[in-house]
Amino acid sequence: MKENIIIRLERENEYHEVENLVRESFWNVYRPGCLEHYVLHKLRNDPAFVPELDFVLLLNENGKGEKTSIFTEFEGSY
């Protein structure tokens, strides 16, 4: 069977499904439970969120991955 891999921008109607994917991926990995899905949920409403860099990976039309980007600046002496 040939596998179809598609990488495309995430759609707003997929947010809940992607948050579930993130939660399942990180559950009990670094500590009991996880916060990563909640952070993702909050980031989408933050001005630093870059929707043009918010991608999902689909394998045979099923969600398998997610990548989100934010913009940040550092101030101070380096």
Protein backbone atom coordinates (compact mmCIF):
# COMPACT_ATOMS: atom_id res chain seq x y z
CA MET A 1 0.00 0.00 0.00
CA LYS A 2 1.33 3.42 -0.95
CA GLU A 3 1.19 5.97 1.86
CA ASN A 4 0.02 9.49 1.06
CA ILE A 5 1.76 12.18 3.11
CA ILE A 6 0.32 15.70 3.00
CA ILE A 7 1.68 18.71 4.88
CA ARG A 8 -0.61 21.73 4.82
CA LEU A 9 -1.80 24.64 6.90
CA GLU A 10 -4.01 23.72 9.82
CA ARG A 11 -7.67 24.68 9.50
CA GLU A 12 -9.57 26.27 12.35
CA ASN A 13 -12.12 23.44 12.37
CA GLU A 14 -9.23 21.02 13.14
CA TYR A 15 -8.02 22.79 16.29
CA HIS A 16 -9.79 20.46 18.72
CA GLU A 17 -8.60 17.32 16.92
CA VAL A 18 -5.02 18.60 16.81
CA GLU A 19 -5.11 19.50 20.52
CA ASN A 20 -6.25 15.93 21.25
CA LEU A 21 -3.36 14.59 19.13
CA VAL A 22 -0.88 16.73 21.10
CA ARG A 23 -2.38 15.66 24.43
CA GLU A 24 -2.19 11.97 23.50
CA SER A 25 1.38 12.39 22.27
CA PHE A 26 2.68 14.00 25.48
CA TRP A 27 0.47 12.33 28.13
CA ASN A 28 2.66 11.10 31.02
CA VAL A 29 5.88 11.57 29.01
CA TYR A 30 7.69 14.23 31.06
CA ARG A 31 5.41 14.32 34.12
CA PRO A 32 2.00 12.95 35.12
CA GLY A 33 -0.58 14.24 32.64
CA CYS A 34 0.50 17.04 30.28
CA LEU A 35 0.07 20.73 29.54
CA GLU A 36 1.24 20.89 25.93
CA HIS A 37 -2.26 20.75 24.43
CA TYR A 38 -3.40 23.59 26.71
CA VAL A 39 -0.37 25.70 25.75
CA LEU A 40 -1.20 25.12 22.08
CA HIS A 41 -4.81 26.15 22.73
CA LYS A 42 -3.69 29.38 24.43
CA LEU A 43 -1.01 30.18 21.81
CA ARG A 44 -3.57 30.36 19.03
CA ASN A 45 -5.09 33.44 20.69
CA ASP A 46 -1.73 35.10 21.34
CA PRO A 47 -0.44 37.90 19.08
CA ALA A 48 2.83 35.96 18.74
CA PHE A 49 1.03 33.09 16.99
CA VAL A 50 1.94 32.84 13.28
CA PRO A 51 -0.97 31.12 11.49
CA GLU A 52 1.02 31.04 8.24
CA LEU A 53 3.42 28.64 9.98
CA ASP A 54 0.83 26.40 11.67
CA PHE A 55 1.00 23.09 9.82
CA VAL A 56 -0.52 19.62 10.11
CA LEU A 57 0.84 16.40 8.68
CA LEU A 58 -1.67 13.92 7.31
CA LEU A 59 -0.84 10.29 6.59
CA ASN A 60 -3.48 8.67 4.36
CA GLU A 61 -5.81 11.57 5.25
CA ASN A 62 -5.47 10.98 9.02
CA GLY A 63 -3.86 13.55 11.31
CA LYS A 64 -0.41 12.40 12.46
CA GLY A 65 1.57 15.52 13.28
CA GLU A 66 1.45 19.23 14.03
CA LYS A 67 3.90 22.13 13.97
CA THR A 68 3.18 25.58 15.37
CA SER A 69 5.35 28.70 15.30
CA ILE A 70 5.36 31.87 17.32
CA PHE A 71 7.29 35.10 16.86
CA THR A 72 9.33 36.45 19.75
CA GLU A 73 11.97 39.08 20.38
CA PHE A 74 14.68 39.15 23.00
CA GLU A 75 15.80 42.38 24.57
CA GLY A 76 18.87 43.09 26.62
CA SER A 77 22.61 42.80 26.29
CA TYR A 78 24.00 39.64 24.81
